[in-house]
Amino acid sequence: MEQQTQPVAYLFEDVEIYNPEDIEKLIDGLTEEQAKFMLVRAVQMAYRNGLYSLTESELISKSLRMLK
């Protein structure tokens, strides 16, 4: 099967998906490092979209630094 040159989807507005089957592979084989990366991207996306107050953003930021 030929690799797509354009993403078919984006996860958290940042992670490019080129093949729909890759989403299942990612979910099924998710490592701890990938899970942390996805959590960081999800929080960044939510912050960019104004979903958190300044206090909430600081608490989330500190929590993520502790997980790394």
PDB file of N, CA and C in Angstrom:
ATOM      1  N   MET A   1       0.839  -1.176   0.000  1.00  0.00           N
ATOM      2  CA  MET A   1       0.000   0.000   0.000  1.00  0.00           C
ATOM      3  C   MET A   1       0.889   1.246   0.000  1.00  0.00           C
ATOM      4  N   GLU A   2       0.560   2.195  -0.814  1.00  0.00           N
ATOM      5  CA  GLU A   2       1.345   3.424  -0.961  1.00  0.00           C
ATOM      6  C   GLU A   2       1.053   4.400   0.182  1.00  0.00           C
ATOM      7  N   GLN A   3       2.117   5.029   0.710  1.00  0.00           N
ATOM      8  CA  GLN A   3       1.972   6.008   1.793  1.00  0.00           C
ATOM      9  C   GLN A   3       1.357   7.295   1.251  1.00  0.00           C
ATOM     10  N   GLN A   4       0.395   7.848   1.984  1.00  0.00           N
ATOM     11  CA  GLN A   4      -0.234   9.113   1.621  1.00  0.00           C
ATOM     12  C   GLN A   4       0.782  10.235   1.769  1.00  0.00           C
ATOM     13  N   THR A   5       0.701  11.228   0.890  1.00  0.00           N
ATOM     14  CA  THR A   5       1.590  12.375   1.007  1.00  0.00           C
ATOM     15  C   THR A   5       0.956  13.494   1.823  1.00  0.00           C
ATOM     16  N   GLN A   6      -0.359  13.486   1.953  1.00  0.00           N
ATOM     17  CA  GLN A   6      -1.090  14.466   2.752  1.00  0.00           C
ATOM     18  C   GLN A   6      -1.776  13.741   3.907  1.00  0.00           C
ATOM     19  N   PRO A   7      -1.752  14.316   5.091  1.00  0.00           N
ATOM     20  CA  PRO A   7      -2.437  13.670   6.218  1.00  0.00           C
ATOM     21  C   PRO A   7      -3.936  13.542   5.954  1.00  0.00           C
ATOM     22  N   VAL A   8      -4.513  12.437   6.413  1.00  0.00           N
ATOM     23  CA  VAL A   8      -5.964  12.249   6.300  1.00  0.00           C
ATOM     24  C   VAL A   8      -6.658  12.773   7.549  1.00  0.00           C
ATOM     25  N   ALA A   9      -5.886  12.978   8.622  1.00  0.00           N
ATOM     26  CA  ALA A   9      -6.443  13.495   9.870  1.00  0.00           C
ATOM     27  C   ALA A   9      -5.315  14.043  10.741  1.00  0.00           C
ATOM     28  N   TYR A  10      -5.724  14.821  11.729  1.00  0.00           N
ATOM     29  CA  TYR A  10      -4.791  15.327  12.737  1.00  0.00           C
ATOM     30  C   TYR A  10      -5.369  14.992  14.105  1.00  0.00           C
ATOM     31  N   LEU A  11      -4.524  14.512  15.000  1.00  0.00           N
ATOM     32  CA  LEU A  11      -4.917  14.309  16.382  1.00  0.00           C
ATOM     33  C   LEU A  11      -4.413  15.493  17.189  1.00  0.00           C
ATOM     34  N   PHE A  12      -5.267  16.084  17.979  1.00  0.00           N
ATOM     35  CA  PHE A  12      -4.917  17.235  18.808  1.00  0.00           C
ATOM     36  C   PHE A  12      -4.332  18.381  17.987  1.00  0.00           C
ATOM     37  N   GLU A  13      -4.826  18.545  16.769  1.00  0.00           N
ATOM     38  CA  GLU A  13      -4.446  19.623  15.853  1.00  0.00           C
ATOM     39  C   GLU A  13      -2.965  19.605  15.470  1.00  0.00           C
ATOM     40  N   ASP A  14      -2.236  18.550  15.821  1.00  0.00           N
ATOM     41  CA  ASP A  14      -0.788  18.570  15.633  1.00  0.00           C
ATOM     42  C   ASP A  14      -0.208  17.254  15.125  1.00  0.00           C
ATOM     43  N   VAL A  15      -0.742  16.132  15.555  1.00  0.00           N
ATOM     44  CA  VAL A  15      -0.201  14.819  15.211  1.00  0.00           C
ATOM     45  C   VAL A  15      -0.825  14.360  13.899  1.00  0.00           C
ATOM     46  N   GLU A  16       0.016  14.232  12.887  1.00  0.00           N
ATOM     47  CA  GLU A  16      -0.480  13.882  11.549  1.00  0.00           C
ATOM     48  C   GLU A  16      -0.734  12.383  11.413  1.00  0.00           C
ATOM     49  N   ILE A  17      -1.861  12.049  10.823  1.00  0.00           N
ATOM     50  CA  ILE A  17      -2.223  10.660  10.532  1.00  0.00           C
ATOM     51  C   ILE A  17      -2.345  10.537   9.018  1.00  0.00           C
ATOM     52  N   TYR A  18      -1.592   9.633   8.432  1.00  0.00           N
ATOM     53  CA  TYR A  18      -1.580   9.462   6.981  1.00  0.00           C
ATOM     54  C   TYR A  18      -2.438   8.300   6.508  1.00  0.00           C
ATOM     55  N   ASN A  19      -2.778   7.404   7.417  1.00  0.00           N
ATOM     56  CA  ASN A  19      -3.544   6.225   7.052  1.00  0.00           C
ATOM     57  C   ASN A  19      -4.500   5.925   8.216  1.00  0.00           C
ATOM     58  N   PRO A  20      -5.788   5.755   7.972  1.00  0.00           N
ATOM     59  CA  PRO A  20      -6.732   5.491   9.069  1.00  0.00           C
ATOM     60  C   PRO A  20      -6.345   4.299   9.948  1.00  0.00           C
ATOM     61  N   GLU A  21      -5.704   3.304   9.373  1.00  0.00           N
ATOM     62  CA  GLU A  21      -5.287   2.144  10.163  1.00  0.00           C
ATOM     63  C   GLU A  21      -4.207   2.497  11.174  1.00  0.00           C
ATOM     64  N   ASP A  22      -3.476   3.566  10.921  1.00  0.00           N
ATOM     65  CA  ASP A  22      -2.415   3.989  11.840  1.00  0.00           C
ATOM     66  C   ASP A  22      -2.968   4.414  13.200  1.00  0.00           C
ATOM     67  N   ILE A  23      -4.209   4.895  13.231  1.00  0.00           N
ATOM     68  CA  ILE A  23      -4.822   5.287  14.497  1.00  0.00           C
ATOM     69  C   ILE A  23      -4.994   4.058  15.388  1.00  0.00           C
ATOM     70  N   GLU A  24      -5.503   2.974  14.814  1.00  0.00           N
ATOM     71  CA  GLU A  24      -5.672   1.735  15.583  1.00  0.00           C
ATOM     72  C   GLU A  24      -4.318   1.197  16.053  1.00  0.00           C
ATOM     73  N   LYS A  25      -3.322   1.255  15.171  1.00  0.00           N
ATOM     74  CA  LYS A  25      -1.977   0.788  15.548  1.00  0.00           C
ATOM     75  C   LYS A  25      -1.427   1.622  16.699  1.00  0.00           C
ATOM     76  N   LEU A  26      -1.632   2.916  16.645  1.00  0.00           N
ATOM     77  CA  LEU A  26      -1.162   3.805  17.705  1.00  0.00           C
ATOM     78  C   LEU A  26      -1.842   3.467  19.028  1.00  0.00           C
ATOM     79  N   ILE A  27      -3.150   3.326  19.001  1.00  0.00           N
ATOM     80  CA  ILE A  27      -3.904   3.022  20.220  1.00  0.00           C
ATOM     81  C   ILE A  27      -3.494   1.667  20.796  1.00  0.00           C
ATOM     82  N   ASP A  28      -3.402   0.660  19.945  1.00  0.00           N
ATOM     83  CA  ASP A  28      -3.080  -0.688  20.407  1.00  0.00           C
ATOM     84  C   ASP A  28      -1.645  -0.811  20.927  1.00  0.00           C
ATOM     85  N   GLY A  29      -0.723  -0.038  20.357  1.00  0.00           N
ATOM     86  CA  GLY A  29       0.677  -0.173  20.737  1.00  0.00           C
ATOM     87  C   GLY A  29       1.234   1.020  21.491  1.00  0.00           C
ATOM     88  N   LEU A  30       0.374   1.810  22.111  1.00  0.00           N
ATOM     89  CA  LEU A  30       0.785   3.039  22.778  1.00  0.00           C
ATOM     90  C   LEU A  30       1.789   2.762  23.894  1.00  0.00           C
ATOM     91  N   THR A  31       2.931   3.433  23.821  1.00  0.00           N
ATOM     92  CA  THR A  31       3.950   3.319  24.865  1.00  0.00           C
ATOM     93  C   THR A  31       3.737   4.408  25.909  1.00  0.00           C
ATOM     94  N   GLU A  32       4.431   4.301  27.033  1.00  0.00           N
ATOM     95  CA  GLU A  32       4.321   5.325  28.067  1.00  0.00           C
ATOM     96  C   GLU A  32       4.806   6.672  27.532  1.00  0.00           C
ATOM     97  N   GLU A  33       5.885   6.668  26.790  1.00  0.00           N
ATOM     98  CA  GLU A  33       6.421   7.907  26.215  1.00  0.00           C
ATOM     99  C   GLU A  33       5.417   8.541  25.250  1.00  0.00           C
ATOM    100  N   GLN A  34       4.806   7.727  24.393  1.00  0.00           N
ATOM    101  CA  GLN A  34       3.797   8.244  23.466  1.00  0.00           C
ATOM    102  C   GLN A  34       2.574   8.763  24.204  1.00  0.00           C
ATOM    103  N   ALA A  35       2.179   8.084  25.273  1.00  0.00           N
ATOM    104  CA  ALA A  35       1.025   8.516  26.062  1.00  0.00           C
ATOM    105  C   ALA A  35       1.279   9.891  26.670  1.00  0.00           C
ATOM    106  N   LYS A  36       2.466  10.102  27.221  1.00  0.00           N
ATOM    107  CA  LYS A  36       2.812  11.407  27.780  1.00  0.00           C
ATOM    108  C   LYS A  36       2.819  12.477  26.691  1.00  0.00           C
ATOM    109  N   PHE A  37       3.367  12.140  25.531  1.00  0.00           N
ATOM    110  CA  PHE A  37       3.398  13.073  24.408  1.00  0.00           C
ATOM    111  C   PHE A  37       1.979  13.477  24.018  1.00  0.00           C
ATOM    112  N   MET A  38       1.076  12.497  23.923  1.00  0.00           N
ATOM    113  CA  MET A  38      -0.314  12.779  23.546  1.00  0.00           C
ATOM    114  C   MET A  38      -1.008  13.637  24.599  1.00  0.00           C
ATOM    115  N   LEU A  39      -0.748  13.370  25.874  1.00  0.00           N
ATOM    116  CA  LEU A  39      -1.339  14.186  26.937  1.00  0.00           C
ATOM    117  C   LEU A  39      -0.864  15.629  26.845  1.00  0.00           C
ATOM    118  N   VAL A  40       0.420  15.831  26.593  1.00  0.00           N
ATOM    119  CA  VAL A  40       0.955  17.179  26.451  1.00  0.00           C
ATOM    120  C   VAL A  40       0.288  17.877  25.271  1.00  0.00           C
ATOM    121  N   ARG A  41       0.180  17.187  24.144  1.00  0.00           N
ATOM    122  CA  ARG A  41      -0.451  17.784  22.961  1.00  0.00           C
ATOM    123  C   ARG A  41      -1.917  18.114  23.221  1.00  0.00           C
ATOM    124  N   ALA A  42      -2.615  17.244  23.930  1.00  0.00           N
ATOM    125  CA  ALA A  42      -4.031  17.493  24.237  1.00  0.00           C
ATOM    126  C   ALA A  42      -4.188  18.727  25.118  1.00  0.00           C
ATOM    127  N   VAL A  43      -3.338  18.854  26.100  1.00  0.00           N
ATOM    128  CA  VAL A  43      -3.408  20.012  26.990  1.00  0.00           C
ATOM    129  C   VAL A  43      -3.047  21.289  26.229  1.00  0.00           C
ATOM    130  N   GLN A  44      -2.028  21.220  25.378  1.00  0.00           N
ATOM    131  CA  GLN A  44      -1.650  22.387  24.588  1.00  0.00           C
ATOM    132  C   GLN A  44      -2.791  22.825  23.679  1.00  0.00           C
ATOM    133  N   MET A  45      -3.466  21.868  23.055  1.00  0.00           N
ATOM    134  CA  MET A  45      -4.589  22.194  22.181  1.00  0.00           C
ATOM    135  C   MET A  45      -5.713  22.859  22.980  1.00  0.00           C
ATOM    136  N   ALA A  46      -6.017  22.306  24.134  1.00  0.00           N
ATOM    137  CA  ALA A  46      -7.072  22.877  24.971  1.00  0.00           C
ATOM    138  C   ALA A  46      -6.699  24.289  25.411  1.00  0.00           C
ATOM    139  N   TYR A  47      -5.441  24.499  25.765  1.00  0.00           N
ATOM    140  CA  TYR A  47      -4.987  25.828  26.180  1.00  0.00           C
ATOM    141  C   TYR A  47      -5.119  26.829  25.027  1.00  0.00           C
ATOM    142  N   ARG A  48      -4.679  26.418  23.827  1.00  0.00           N
ATOM    143  CA  ARG A  48      -4.778  27.306  22.655  1.00  0.00           C
ATOM    144  C   ARG A  48      -6.225  27.697  22.375  1.00  0.00           C
ATOM    145  N   ASN A  49      -7.136  26.816  22.718  1.00  0.00           N
ATOM    146  CA  ASN A  49      -8.550  27.074  22.467  1.00  0.00           C
ATOM    147  C   ASN A  49      -9.255  27.709  23.666  1.00  0.00           C
ATOM    148  N   GLY A  50      -8.482  28.149  24.654  1.00  0.00           N
ATOM    149  CA  GLY A  50      -9.029  28.893  25.779  1.00  0.00           C
ATOM    150  C   GLY A  50      -9.901  28.097  26.732  1.00  0.00           C
ATOM    151  N   LEU A  51      -9.601  26.820  26.918  1.00  0.00           N
ATOM    152  CA  LEU A  51     -10.445  25.990  27.766  1.00  0.00           C
ATOM    153  C   LEU A  51     -10.083  26.054  29.244  1.00  0.00           C
ATOM    154  N   TYR A  52      -8.920  26.638  29.588  1.00  0.00           N
ATOM    155  CA  TYR A  52      -8.479  26.681  30.974  1.00  0.00           C
ATOM    156  C   TYR A  52      -8.253  28.112  31.434  1.00  0.00           C
ATOM    157  N   SER A  53      -8.467  28.345  32.712  1.00  0.00           N
ATOM    158  CA  SER A  53      -8.129  29.629  33.324  1.00  0.00           C
ATOM    159  C   SER A  53      -6.607  29.670  33.520  1.00  0.00           C
ATOM    160  N   LEU A  54      -6.080  30.818  33.885  1.00  0.00           N
ATOM    161  CA  LEU A  54      -4.650  30.953  34.131  1.00  0.00           C
ATOM    162  C   LEU A  54      -4.209  30.026  35.262  1.00  0.00           C
ATOM    163  N   THR A  55      -4.985  29.955  36.312  1.00  0.00           N
ATOM    164  CA  THR A  55      -4.661  29.083  37.447  1.00  0.00           C
ATOM    165  C   THR A  55      -4.668  27.621  37.031  1.00  0.00           C
ATOM    166  N   GLU A  56      -5.680  27.220  36.280  1.00  0.00           N
ATOM    167  CA  GLU A  56      -5.747  25.836  35.801  1.00  0.00           C
ATOM    168  C   GLU A  56      -4.570  25.517  34.891  1.00  0.00           C
ATOM    169  N   SER A  57      -4.215  26.450  34.025  1.00  0.00           N
ATOM    170  CA  SER A  57      -3.080  26.250  33.115  1.00  0.00           C
ATOM    171  C   SER A  57      -1.787  26.041  33.889  1.00  0.00           C
ATOM    172  N   GLU A  58      -1.570  26.825  34.941  1.00  0.00           N
ATOM    173  CA  GLU A  58      -0.358  26.682  35.751  1.00  0.00           C
ATOM    174  C   GLU A  58      -0.327  25.333  36.454  1.00  0.00           C
ATOM    175  N   LEU A  59      -1.451  24.913  36.995  1.00  0.00           N
ATOM    176  CA  LEU A  59      -1.521  23.619  37.669  1.00  0.00           C
ATOM    177  C   LEU A  59      -1.261  22.477  36.694  1.00  0.00           C
ATOM    178  N   ILE A  60      -1.830  22.536  35.526  1.00  0.00           N
ATOM    179  CA  ILE A  60      -1.616  21.503  34.510  1.00  0.00           C
ATOM    180  C   ILE A  60      -0.156  21.505  34.068  1.00  0.00           C
ATOM    181  N   SER A  61       0.414  22.675  33.854  1.00  0.00           N
ATOM    182  CA  SER A  61       1.816  22.792  33.455  1.00  0.00           C
ATOM    183  C   SER A  61       2.729  22.137  34.492  1.00  0.00           C
ATOM    184  N   LYS A  62       2.529  22.454  35.761  1.00  0.00           N
ATOM    185  CA  LYS A  62       3.337  21.886  36.841  1.00  0.00           C
ATOM    186  C   LYS A  62       3.160  20.365  36.888  1.00  0.00           C
ATOM    187  N   SER A  63       1.938  19.898  36.736  1.00  0.00           N
ATOM    188  CA  SER A  63       1.661  18.455  36.769  1.00  0.00           C
ATOM    189  C   SER A  63       2.379  17.736  35.631  1.00  0.00           C
ATOM    190  N   LEU A  64       2.344  18.310  34.436  1.00  0.00           N
ATOM    191  CA  LEU A  64       3.028  17.689  33.295  1.00  0.00           C
ATOM    192  C   LEU A  64       4.538  17.662  33.495  1.00  0.00           C
ATOM    193  N   ARG A  65       5.105  18.726  34.055  1.00  0.00           N
ATOM    194  CA  ARG A  65       6.550  18.736  34.314  1.00  0.00           C
ATOM    195  C   ARG A  65       6.928  17.644  35.299  1.00  0.00           C
ATOM    196  N   MET A  66       6.063  17.381  36.257  1.00  0.00           N
ATOM    197  CA  MET A  66       6.350  16.336  37.238  1.00  0.00           C
ATOM    198  C   MET A  66       6.296  14.941  36.602  1.00  0.00           C
ATOM    199  N   LEU A  67       5.478  14.767  35.584  1.00  0.00           N
ATOM    200  CA  LEU A  67       5.368  13.469  34.917  1.00  0.00           C
ATOM    201  C   LEU A  67       6.535  13.157  33.994  1.00  0.00           C
ATOM    202  N   LYS A  68       7.172  14.185  33.479  1.00  0.00           N
ATOM    203  CA  LYS A  68       8.258  13.984  32.502  1.00  0.00           C
ATOM    204  C   LYS A  68       9.466  13.422  33.112  1.00  0.00           C
TER     205      LYS A  68
END
